[in-house]
N, C-alpha and C. Protein backbone atom coordinates (compact mmCIF):
# COMPACT_ATOMS: atom_id res chain seq x y z
N MET A 1 0.84 -1.17 0.00
CA MET A 1 0.00 0.00 0.00
C MET A 1 0.89 1.23 0.00
N GLN A 2 0.54 2.21 -0.83
CA GLN A 2 1.34 3.42 -0.83
C GLN A 2 0.48 4.64 -1.14
N LEU A 3 0.99 5.80 -0.72
CA LEU A 3 0.31 7.07 -0.91
C LEU A 3 1.33 8.07 -1.43
N GLU A 4 0.99 8.75 -2.51
CA GLU A 4 1.83 9.80 -3.06
C GLU A 4 1.66 11.05 -2.19
N ILE A 5 2.77 11.67 -1.82
CA ILE A 5 2.77 12.85 -0.94
C ILE A 5 3.33 14.04 -1.72
N ARG A 6 2.58 15.14 -1.74
CA ARG A 6 3.08 16.38 -2.34
C ARG A 6 3.94 17.12 -1.31
N PRO A 7 4.85 17.98 -1.75
CA PRO A 7 5.68 18.74 -0.81
C PRO A 7 4.90 19.91 -0.19
N ASP A 8 3.89 19.56 0.63
CA ASP A 8 2.99 20.53 1.24
C ASP A 8 2.71 20.06 2.67
N PRO A 9 2.90 20.91 3.67
CA PRO A 9 2.66 20.49 5.06
C PRO A 9 1.26 19.93 5.32
N ALA A 10 0.26 20.32 4.52
CA ALA A 10 -1.09 19.77 4.69
C ALA A 10 -1.14 18.27 4.41
N GLU A 11 -0.15 17.76 3.70
CA GLU A 11 -0.10 16.34 3.37
C GLU A 11 0.12 15.47 4.61
N VAL A 12 0.67 16.03 5.68
CA VAL A 12 0.92 15.24 6.89
C VAL A 12 -0.40 14.73 7.46
N GLY A 13 -1.40 15.60 7.56
CA GLY A 13 -2.72 15.18 8.05
C GLY A 13 -3.37 14.16 7.13
N ARG A 14 -3.24 14.35 5.83
CA ARG A 14 -3.79 13.39 4.87
C ARG A 14 -3.10 12.03 5.01
N ALA A 15 -1.79 12.04 5.26
CA ALA A 15 -1.05 10.78 5.44
C ALA A 15 -1.52 10.05 6.70
N ARG A 16 -1.74 10.79 7.79
CA ARG A 16 -2.25 10.16 9.02
C ARG A 16 -3.61 9.53 8.78
N LYS A 17 -4.50 10.27 8.12
CA LYS A 17 -5.85 9.75 7.85
C LYS A 17 -5.77 8.50 6.98
N TRP A 18 -4.92 8.53 5.96
CA TRP A 18 -4.75 7.37 5.09
C TRP A 18 -4.24 6.16 5.87
N ALA A 19 -3.25 6.37 6.73
CA ALA A 19 -2.69 5.27 7.52
C ALA A 19 -3.75 4.69 8.47
N ARG A 20 -4.53 5.55 9.12
CA ARG A 20 -5.59 5.06 10.01
C ARG A 20 -6.59 4.18 9.24
N SER A 21 -6.92 4.60 8.02
CA SER A 21 -7.89 3.83 7.24
C SER A 21 -7.34 2.45 6.87
N ARG A 22 -6.04 2.32 6.79
CA ARG A 22 -5.42 1.03 6.45
C ARG A 22 -5.32 0.09 7.65
N LEU A 23 -5.31 0.65 8.85
CA LEU A 23 -5.15 -0.17 10.05
C LEU A 23 -6.33 -1.11 10.26
N ALA A 24 -7.55 -0.61 10.07
CA ALA A 24 -8.74 -1.42 10.33
C ALA A 24 -8.74 -2.71 9.52
N GLY A 25 -8.37 -2.63 8.26
CA GLY A 25 -8.35 -3.81 7.40
C GLY A 25 -7.30 -4.82 7.80
N SER A 26 -6.32 -4.41 8.59
CA SER A 26 -5.27 -5.33 8.99
C SER A 26 -5.54 -5.95 10.37
N GLY A 27 -6.62 -5.53 11.02
CA GLY A 27 -6.93 -6.07 12.34
C GLY A 27 -6.27 -5.32 13.48
N ILE A 28 -5.65 -4.19 13.21
CA ILE A 28 -5.05 -3.36 14.27
C ILE A 28 -6.06 -2.29 14.65
N ARG A 29 -6.54 -2.34 15.88
CA ARG A 29 -7.56 -1.40 16.36
C ARG A 29 -6.97 -0.02 16.61
N ASP A 30 -7.80 1.01 16.43
CA ASP A 30 -7.38 2.40 16.67
C ASP A 30 -6.88 2.63 18.09
N ASP A 31 -7.43 1.89 19.05
CA ASP A 31 -7.06 2.13 20.44
C ASP A 31 -5.83 1.33 20.89
N GLU A 32 -5.24 0.55 20.01
CA GLU A 32 -4.01 -0.17 20.35
C GLU A 32 -2.84 0.81 20.40
N SER A 33 -1.92 0.58 21.31
CA SER A 33 -0.75 1.45 21.37
C SER A 33 0.06 1.36 20.08
N LEU A 34 0.04 0.21 19.41
CA LEU A 34 0.73 0.07 18.13
C LEU A 34 0.18 1.06 17.11
N ALA A 35 -1.15 1.19 17.05
CA ALA A 35 -1.77 2.11 16.09
C ALA A 35 -1.40 3.55 16.41
N GLU A 36 -1.47 3.91 17.67
CA GLU A 36 -1.13 5.28 18.07
C GLU A 36 0.33 5.60 17.73
N THR A 37 1.21 4.66 17.99
CA THR A 37 2.63 4.86 17.70
C THR A 37 2.87 4.93 16.21
N LEU A 38 2.22 4.08 15.45
CA LEU A 38 2.38 4.08 14.00
C LEU A 38 1.95 5.43 13.41
N ILE A 39 0.84 5.97 13.88
CA ILE A 39 0.37 7.26 13.37
C ILE A 39 1.36 8.37 13.73
N LEU A 40 1.94 8.33 14.91
CA LEU A 40 2.97 9.31 15.28
C LEU A 40 4.19 9.18 14.37
N LEU A 41 4.60 7.96 14.07
CA LEU A 41 5.74 7.75 13.19
C LEU A 41 5.45 8.21 11.77
N VAL A 42 4.23 7.99 11.29
CA VAL A 42 3.83 8.51 9.98
C VAL A 42 3.98 10.03 9.98
N SER A 43 3.47 10.67 11.03
CA SER A 43 3.57 12.13 11.13
C SER A 43 5.02 12.60 11.06
N GLU A 44 5.88 11.96 11.81
CA GLU A 44 7.28 12.40 11.87
C GLU A 44 8.00 12.20 10.55
N LEU A 45 7.86 11.03 9.95
CA LEU A 45 8.59 10.76 8.71
C LEU A 45 8.05 11.56 7.53
N VAL A 46 6.74 11.72 7.45
CA VAL A 46 6.17 12.52 6.37
C VAL A 46 6.52 13.99 6.57
N THR A 47 6.46 14.48 7.81
CA THR A 47 6.86 15.86 8.08
C THR A 47 8.29 16.10 7.65
N ASN A 48 9.20 15.19 8.01
CA ASN A 48 10.59 15.35 7.59
C ASN A 48 10.72 15.43 6.08
N ALA A 49 10.01 14.56 5.37
CA ALA A 49 10.09 14.55 3.90
C ALA A 49 9.54 15.85 3.33
N VAL A 50 8.41 16.30 3.82
CA VAL A 50 7.75 17.49 3.28
C VAL A 50 8.52 18.77 3.63
N VAL A 51 8.91 18.91 4.87
CA VAL A 51 9.51 20.15 5.34
C VAL A 51 10.98 20.27 4.95
N HIS A 52 11.73 19.19 5.07
CA HIS A 52 13.18 19.28 4.91
C HIS A 52 13.70 18.96 3.52
N THR A 53 12.88 18.37 2.66
CA THR A 53 13.38 18.07 1.31
C THR A 53 12.74 18.94 0.25
N GLY A 54 11.48 19.34 0.45
CA GLY A 54 10.79 20.11 -0.57
C GLY A 54 10.47 19.31 -1.82
N CYS A 55 10.54 17.99 -1.71
CA CYS A 55 10.32 17.09 -2.85
C CYS A 55 9.06 16.25 -2.61
N PRO A 56 8.42 15.78 -3.68
CA PRO A 56 7.36 14.80 -3.50
C PRO A 56 7.92 13.54 -2.83
N ALA A 57 7.05 12.79 -2.18
CA ALA A 57 7.47 11.57 -1.49
C ALA A 57 6.41 10.50 -1.67
N VAL A 58 6.76 9.29 -1.28
CA VAL A 58 5.83 8.17 -1.30
C VAL A 58 5.85 7.53 0.08
N LEU A 59 4.67 7.40 0.69
CA LEU A 59 4.49 6.73 1.97
C LEU A 59 4.05 5.31 1.69
N ARG A 60 4.76 4.33 2.26
CA ARG A 60 4.40 2.92 2.09
C ARG A 60 4.17 2.29 3.45
N LEU A 61 3.14 1.46 3.55
CA LEU A 61 2.86 0.70 4.76
C LEU A 61 2.80 -0.77 4.40
N SER A 62 3.46 -1.59 5.19
CA SER A 62 3.33 -3.04 5.08
C SER A 62 2.70 -3.51 6.37
N LEU A 63 1.44 -3.91 6.29
CA LEU A 63 0.67 -4.30 7.47
C LEU A 63 0.36 -5.79 7.41
N PRO A 64 0.22 -6.43 8.58
CA PRO A 64 -0.16 -7.85 8.57
C PRO A 64 -1.58 -8.01 8.04
N SER A 65 -1.85 -9.13 7.39
CA SER A 65 -3.22 -9.39 6.94
C SER A 65 -3.93 -10.20 8.00
N GLY A 66 -5.01 -9.66 8.52
CA GLY A 66 -5.77 -10.32 9.57
C GLY A 66 -5.14 -10.11 10.94
N VAL A 67 -5.87 -10.49 11.96
CA VAL A 67 -5.42 -10.31 13.34
C VAL A 67 -4.44 -11.42 13.70
N THR A 68 -3.24 -11.04 14.06
CA THR A 68 -2.25 -12.00 14.53
C THR A 68 -1.64 -11.46 15.81
N GLU A 69 -1.20 -12.36 16.65
CA GLU A 69 -0.63 -11.94 17.93
C GLU A 69 0.78 -11.38 17.76
N SER A 70 1.47 -11.79 16.73
CA SER A 70 2.83 -11.34 16.53
C SER A 70 3.05 -11.07 15.05
N ALA A 71 3.39 -9.84 14.73
CA ALA A 71 3.64 -9.46 13.35
C ALA A 71 4.48 -8.19 13.35
N THR A 72 5.07 -7.88 12.22
CA THR A 72 5.85 -6.66 12.07
C THR A 72 5.15 -5.72 11.11
N VAL A 73 5.05 -4.47 11.51
CA VAL A 73 4.51 -3.41 10.68
C VAL A 73 5.68 -2.59 10.19
N ARG A 74 5.74 -2.34 8.89
CA ARG A 74 6.84 -1.56 8.31
C ARG A 74 6.29 -0.30 7.65
N LEU A 75 6.93 0.80 7.93
CA LEU A 75 6.58 2.10 7.39
C LEU A 75 7.79 2.62 6.64
N GLU A 76 7.58 3.13 5.42
CA GLU A 76 8.68 3.69 4.62
C GLU A 76 8.23 5.01 4.02
N VAL A 77 9.13 5.97 3.97
CA VAL A 77 8.90 7.20 3.23
C VAL A 77 10.09 7.37 2.29
N ALA A 78 9.79 7.38 1.00
CA ALA A 78 10.83 7.56 -0.03
C ALA A 78 10.64 8.94 -0.62
N ASP A 79 11.75 9.66 -0.80
CA ASP A 79 11.67 10.98 -1.43
C ASP A 79 12.76 11.11 -2.48
N ARG A 80 12.75 12.21 -3.20
CA ARG A 80 13.69 12.41 -4.31
C ARG A 80 14.92 13.20 -3.91
N SER A 81 15.11 13.42 -2.62
CA SER A 81 16.29 14.14 -2.16
C SER A 81 17.38 13.13 -1.81
N ASP A 82 18.59 13.40 -2.27
CA ASP A 82 19.69 12.48 -1.93
C ASP A 82 20.40 12.89 -0.65
N ARG A 83 19.88 13.91 0.04
CA ARG A 83 20.49 14.36 1.30
C ARG A 83 20.19 13.36 2.42
N ALA A 84 21.25 12.91 3.08
CA ALA A 84 21.12 11.91 4.14
C ALA A 84 20.60 12.54 5.43
N PRO A 85 19.95 11.72 6.28
CA PRO A 85 19.58 12.22 7.61
C PRO A 85 20.85 12.61 8.38
N VAL A 86 20.82 13.76 9.02
CA VAL A 86 21.98 14.29 9.74
C VAL A 86 21.58 14.56 11.19
N PRO A 87 22.40 14.14 12.16
CA PRO A 87 22.06 14.39 13.57
C PRO A 87 21.96 15.89 13.87
N ARG A 88 21.01 16.24 14.72
CA ARG A 88 20.88 17.61 15.21
C ARG A 88 20.83 17.58 16.73
N CYS A 89 21.53 18.48 17.35
CA CYS A 89 21.38 18.71 18.78
C CYS A 89 20.39 19.85 18.94
N VAL A 90 19.38 19.64 19.76
CA VAL A 90 18.37 20.68 19.94
C VAL A 90 18.32 21.12 21.38
N ASP A 91 18.05 22.39 21.56
CA ASP A 91 17.86 22.99 22.88
C ASP A 91 16.50 22.53 23.41
N GLY A 92 16.38 22.41 24.71
CA GLY A 92 15.13 21.98 25.32
C GLY A 92 13.96 22.90 25.03
N GLU A 93 14.22 24.14 24.65
CA GLU A 93 13.16 25.10 24.36
C GLU A 93 12.72 25.10 22.90
N GLU A 94 13.49 24.46 22.02
CA GLU A 94 13.12 24.44 20.60
C GLU A 94 11.88 23.60 20.37
N THR A 95 11.06 24.02 19.42
CA THR A 95 9.80 23.31 19.15
C THR A 95 9.94 22.25 18.08
N GLY A 96 11.06 22.19 17.39
CA GLY A 96 11.25 21.19 16.34
C GLY A 96 12.60 20.53 16.48
N GLY A 97 12.89 19.65 15.51
CA GLY A 97 14.20 19.02 15.46
C GLY A 97 14.32 17.71 16.19
N ARG A 98 13.20 17.13 16.61
CA ARG A 98 13.25 15.88 17.36
C ARG A 98 12.63 14.70 16.62
N GLY A 99 12.29 14.90 15.34
CA GLY A 99 11.55 13.89 14.59
C GLY A 99 12.20 12.52 14.56
N LEU A 100 13.45 12.43 14.10
CA LEU A 100 14.07 11.12 14.00
C LEU A 100 14.53 10.59 15.35
N ALA A 101 14.70 11.48 16.33
CA ALA A 101 14.96 10.99 17.69
C ALA A 101 13.72 10.26 18.22
N LEU A 102 12.54 10.78 17.89
CA LEU A 102 11.30 10.08 18.26
C LEU A 102 11.21 8.74 17.54
N VAL A 103 11.52 8.75 16.26
CA VAL A 103 11.49 7.49 15.50
C VAL A 103 12.44 6.49 16.15
N ASP A 104 13.64 6.93 16.50
CA ASP A 104 14.61 6.05 17.13
C ASP A 104 14.09 5.50 18.46
N GLY A 105 13.40 6.32 19.21
CA GLY A 105 12.90 5.89 20.52
C GLY A 105 11.66 5.02 20.46
N LEU A 106 10.85 5.18 19.43
CA LEU A 106 9.57 4.47 19.35
C LEU A 106 9.60 3.22 18.49
N ALA A 107 10.41 3.22 17.45
CA ALA A 107 10.44 2.07 16.54
C ALA A 107 11.35 0.98 17.09
N ASP A 108 11.06 -0.25 16.72
CA ASP A 108 11.94 -1.36 17.09
C ASP A 108 13.21 -1.36 16.26
N ARG A 109 13.09 -0.91 15.01
CA ARG A 109 14.23 -0.77 14.11
C ARG A 109 13.94 0.38 13.17
N TRP A 110 14.97 1.06 12.72
CA TRP A 110 14.80 2.06 11.68
C TRP A 110 16.12 2.27 10.97
N GLY A 111 16.04 2.85 9.80
CA GLY A 111 17.24 3.14 9.05
C GLY A 111 16.90 3.89 7.79
N TRP A 112 17.89 4.04 6.94
CA TRP A 112 17.66 4.69 5.66
C TRP A 112 18.62 4.10 4.64
N SER A 113 18.27 4.25 3.38
CA SER A 113 19.13 3.77 2.31
C SER A 113 18.87 4.60 1.06
N PRO A 114 19.90 4.71 0.19
CA PRO A 114 19.68 5.39 -1.09
C PRO A 114 18.64 4.62 -1.90
N GLU A 115 17.84 5.35 -2.66
CA GLU A 115 16.84 4.72 -3.53
C GLU A 115 16.75 5.55 -4.80
N GLY A 116 17.28 5.03 -5.89
CA GLY A 116 17.29 5.79 -7.14
C GLY A 116 18.05 7.09 -6.95
N ALA A 117 17.41 8.19 -7.33
CA ALA A 117 18.02 9.51 -7.17
C ALA A 117 17.77 10.09 -5.79
N GLY A 118 17.05 9.36 -4.93
CA GLY A 118 16.71 9.87 -3.61
C GLY A 118 17.08 8.90 -2.50
N LYS A 119 16.20 8.78 -1.54
CA LYS A 119 16.45 7.90 -0.40
C LYS A 119 15.12 7.36 0.14
N ARG A 120 15.25 6.34 0.98
CA ARG A 120 14.12 5.75 1.68
C ARG A 120 14.46 5.69 3.15
N ILE A 121 13.59 6.26 3.99
CA ILE A 121 13.72 6.13 5.44
C ILE A 121 12.62 5.18 5.88
N TRP A 122 12.97 4.19 6.69
CA TRP A 122 12.01 3.18 7.08
C TRP A 122 12.08 2.95 8.59
N CYS A 123 10.99 2.39 9.12
CA CYS A 123 10.99 1.93 10.51
C CYS A 123 10.04 0.75 10.62
N GLU A 124 10.26 -0.04 11.65
CA GLU A 124 9.43 -1.23 11.90
C GLU A 124 8.99 -1.26 13.35
N LEU A 125 7.76 -1.72 13.54
CA LEU A 125 7.20 -1.96 14.87
C LEU A 125 6.81 -3.43 14.95
N ASP A 126 7.18 -4.07 16.03
CA ASP A 126 6.81 -5.47 16.24
C ASP A 126 5.56 -5.52 17.11
N ARG A 127 4.56 -6.18 16.59
CA ARG A 127 3.33 -6.39 17.35
C ARG A 127 3.50 -7.68 18.12
N CYS A 128 3.19 -7.64 19.41
CA CYS A 128 3.32 -8.85 20.21
C CYS A 128 2.13 -8.97 21.15
N ALA A 129 1.85 -10.17 21.57
CA ALA A 129 0.72 -10.43 22.46
C ALA A 129 1.10 -10.14 23.89
N GLY A 130 0.05 -9.82 24.70
CA GLY A 130 0.24 -9.90 26.12
C GLY A 130 0.44 -8.64 26.92
N SER A 131 -0.38 -7.62 26.74
CA SER A 131 -0.33 -6.56 27.73
C SER A 131 -1.20 -6.98 28.91
N ARG A 132 -1.12 -6.25 30.02
CA ARG A 132 -1.80 -6.66 31.25
C ARG A 132 -3.30 -6.79 31.10
N ASP A 133 -3.94 -5.90 30.31
CA ASP A 133 -5.39 -5.95 30.20
C ASP A 133 -5.86 -6.81 29.04
N GLY A 134 -4.96 -7.54 28.42
CA GLY A 134 -5.35 -8.44 27.35
C GLY A 134 -5.32 -7.81 25.97
N ALA A 135 -5.12 -6.50 25.90
CA ALA A 135 -5.03 -5.85 24.59
C ALA A 135 -3.69 -6.19 23.96
N THR A 136 -3.64 -6.10 22.65
CA THR A 136 -2.39 -6.37 21.96
C THR A 136 -1.45 -5.19 22.16
N ALA A 137 -0.19 -5.48 22.38
CA ALA A 137 0.80 -4.45 22.61
C ALA A 137 1.88 -4.54 21.56
N TYR A 138 2.83 -3.65 21.63
CA TYR A 138 3.99 -3.76 20.77
C TYR A 138 5.22 -3.53 21.61
N SER A 139 6.35 -4.00 21.10
CA SER A 139 7.60 -3.80 21.83
C SER A 139 8.34 -2.64 21.21
N GLY A 140 8.46 -1.55 21.94
CA GLY A 140 9.10 -0.34 21.42
C GLY A 140 10.60 -0.39 21.61
N GLY A 141 11.34 0.24 20.73
CA GLY A 141 12.79 0.29 20.82
C GLY A 141 13.25 1.33 21.82
N ALA A 142 14.49 1.26 22.22
CA ALA A 142 15.08 2.23 23.13
C ALA A 142 16.02 3.13 22.37
N SER A 143 16.04 4.39 22.73
CA SER A 143 16.89 5.35 22.04
C SER A 143 18.33 5.23 22.48
N ALA A 144 19.23 5.18 21.51
CA ALA A 144 20.65 5.16 21.80
C ALA A 144 21.26 6.54 21.55
N TYR A 145 20.43 7.52 21.25
CA TYR A 145 20.92 8.83 20.86
C TYR A 145 20.38 9.92 21.76
N GLU A 146 20.54 9.78 23.03
CA GLU A 146 20.04 10.75 23.99
C GLU A 146 20.59 12.13 23.69
N GLY A 147 19.70 13.12 23.63
CA GLY A 147 20.12 14.49 23.40
C GLY A 147 20.29 14.85 21.94
N LEU A 148 20.14 13.90 21.02
CA LEU A 148 20.30 14.19 19.59
C LEU A 148 18.99 14.02 18.88
N ALA A 149 18.76 14.82 17.87
CA ALA A 149 17.62 14.66 16.98
C ALA A 149 18.16 14.64 15.57
N TYR A 150 17.38 14.14 14.64
CA TYR A 150 17.84 13.97 13.28
C TYR A 150 16.83 14.56 12.33
N GLU A 151 17.32 15.03 11.19
CA GLU A 151 16.44 15.46 10.11
C GLU A 151 17.20 15.29 8.80
N ALA A 152 16.46 15.20 7.74
CA ALA A 152 17.08 15.17 6.42
C ALA A 152 17.34 16.61 6.01
N VAL A 153 18.59 16.95 5.77
CA VAL A 153 18.92 18.33 5.39
C VAL A 153 19.62 18.36 4.05
């Protein structure tokens, strides 16, 4: 599944809405922490593509088919900019610059690679069974980059 993204900040909301509509068909409920985290990651990666590259992008989601207790959800944003993600140190008072630090802290895995004339930034969330109240949970990654944020520049 993929969505074409124009280089317009309004596309971030459209990308979130599109991703939410895809979750229901995969058996991931809106109230699952996995769904909430996935939508936040969509926001961060699409925002980075739209704001920092000025290029069109493509949002891709790979979701499990049907309800399963353990599966991996993969999110990718490909853009036409060949500029690599670069670490940023941000002041505690700044309102931006923490996008990829959030991705690093919330995703189980993430990375980037060249793709054609541009690049692809991806992240994965592992869905696993067994939260205390019986709802499906996911296992979130831990940040190894305390105090740093990243953006494509």
